[in-house]
Amino acid sequence: MPYTQLLNQLIDQSGLTAKEIAERCKQHGQEITASYVSILRKEANERIPSFEVSQALEAVLDAPKDLLVLEGYPRLFRTAAICERALYTRCSCVVDKRESPGRR
């Protein structure tokens, strides 16, 4: 689902106004305006806010952690997942070699 549609769904479910969302985002360290929230809601703009603003919106809208972030920055997370998998594989190989039976 596109970021804007997901954001609109979360806002509609929350029942909060753009002004309330902006005020609550300040409590999460992100100063945004009600106008900016309205801009983000318009599909024609196709704007994706910063990673930090997305996290604040998730918190304010009681959304699962990283739901908006994953939608807004899918390439970032795909790259991170690939790196994590590679690191895990390397670490597993080292651990497996150390723990193999008969090795002292």
Protein backbone atom coordinates (compact mmCIF):
# COMPACT_ATOMS: atom_id res chain seq x y z
CA MET A 1 0.00 0.00 0.00
CA PRO A 2 1.46 3.42 -0.88
CA TYR A 3 2.74 5.55 2.00
CA THR A 4 0.02 8.19 1.62
CA GLN A 5 -2.80 5.64 1.67
CA LEU A 6 -1.32 3.93 4.72
CA LEU A 7 -0.89 7.26 6.51
CA ASN A 8 -4.48 8.27 5.70
CA GLN A 9 -5.78 4.95 6.99
CA LEU A 10 -3.85 5.33 10.25
CA ILE A 11 -5.01 8.93 10.70
CA ASP A 12 -8.64 8.01 10.01
CA GLN A 13 -8.43 5.15 12.52
CA SER A 14 -6.88 7.41 15.15
CA GLY A 15 -9.61 10.04 14.94
CA LEU A 16 -6.97 12.74 15.49
CA THR A 17 -6.92 16.06 13.66
CA ALA A 18 -3.87 17.29 11.77
CA LYS A 19 -3.31 19.84 14.54
CA GLU A 20 -3.42 17.15 17.24
CA ILE A 21 -1.01 14.97 15.29
CA ALA A 22 1.43 17.87 14.85
CA GLU A 23 1.26 18.70 18.57
CA ARG A 24 1.86 15.10 19.57
CA CYS A 25 4.76 14.75 17.15
CA LYS A 26 6.52 17.49 19.13
CA GLN A 27 6.40 15.19 22.16
CA HIS A 28 8.35 12.69 20.04
CA GLY A 29 10.99 15.24 19.06
CA GLN A 30 9.63 16.20 15.63
CA GLU A 31 8.25 19.67 15.06
CA ILE A 32 5.84 19.54 12.18
CA THR A 33 2.80 21.65 11.40
CA ALA A 34 -0.81 20.73 10.79
CA SER A 35 -0.31 22.02 7.23
CA TYR A 36 2.53 19.57 6.71
CA VAL A 37 0.34 16.70 7.91
CA SER A 38 -2.29 17.80 5.38
CA ILE A 39 0.33 17.88 2.63
CA LEU A 40 1.44 14.35 3.50
CA ARG A 41 -2.18 13.17 3.24
CA LYS A 42 -2.54 14.33 -0.37
CA GLU A 43 -1.73 11.50 -2.77
CA ALA A 44 -0.88 13.89 -5.60
CA ASN A 45 2.16 15.12 -3.64
CA GLU A 46 3.73 11.68 -3.21
CA ARG A 47 5.88 13.14 -0.43
CA ILE A 48 7.59 10.85 2.00
CA PRO A 49 8.67 12.55 5.23
CA SER A 50 12.00 11.90 6.86
CA PHE A 51 12.71 8.65 8.64
CA GLU A 52 12.40 10.48 11.99
CA VAL A 53 9.06 12.10 11.16
CA SER A 54 7.72 8.73 10.01
CA GLN A 55 8.74 7.21 13.34
CA ALA A 56 7.05 10.05 15.25
CA LEU A 57 3.88 9.59 13.19
CA GLU A 58 3.93 5.86 13.96
CA ALA A 59 4.14 6.60 17.67
CA VAL A 60 1.43 9.26 17.59
CA LEU A 61 -0.91 7.13 15.48
CA ASP A 62 -0.25 4.02 17.58
CA ALA A 63 0.98 2.14 14.52
CA PRO A 64 3.27 -0.88 14.66
CA LYS A 65 6.94 0.09 14.84
CA ASP A 66 8.49 0.74 11.42
CA LEU A 67 5.20 0.30 9.51
CA LEU A 68 5.42 3.73 7.87
CA VAL A 69 9.20 3.61 7.69
CA LEU A 70 9.15 0.31 5.81
CA GLU A 71 6.62 1.69 3.37
CA GLY A 72 8.52 4.93 2.85
CA TYR A 73 12.02 3.50 2.66
CA PRO A 74 11.77 -0.07 1.32
CA ARG A 75 15.20 -0.01 -0.38
CA LEU A 76 16.87 1.01 2.87
CA PHE A 77 15.42 -1.98 4.70
CA ARG A 78 16.10 -4.42 1.88
CA THR A 79 19.74 -3.35 1.92
CA ALA A 80 19.88 -3.59 5.72
CA ALA A 81 18.31 -7.07 5.62
CA ILE A 82 20.87 -8.24 3.06
CA CYS A 83 23.74 -6.89 5.18
CA GLU A 84 22.30 -8.42 8.34
CA ARG A 85 21.90 -11.79 6.62
CA ALA A 86 25.49 -11.66 5.37
CA LEU A 87 26.78 -10.73 8.80
CA TYR A 88 24.72 -13.47 10.44
CA THR A 89 26.04 -16.03 7.95
CA ARG A 90 29.63 -14.98 8.64
CA CYS A 91 29.12 -15.07 12.41
CA SER A 92 27.35 -18.43 12.22
CA CYS A 93 30.27 -19.90 10.31
CA VAL A 94 32.71 -18.72 12.96
CA VAL A 95 30.53 -20.03 15.79
CA ASP A 96 29.94 -23.35 14.00
CA LYS A 97 33.69 -23.86 13.53
CA ARG A 98 34.40 -23.10 17.17
CA GLU A 99 31.66 -25.37 18.46
CA SER A 100 32.20 -28.35 16.19
CA PRO A 101 32.77 -31.61 18.01
CA GLY A 102 36.33 -32.77 18.15
CA ARG A 103 37.80 -29.27 17.87
CA ARG A 104 39.96 -28.18 20.75
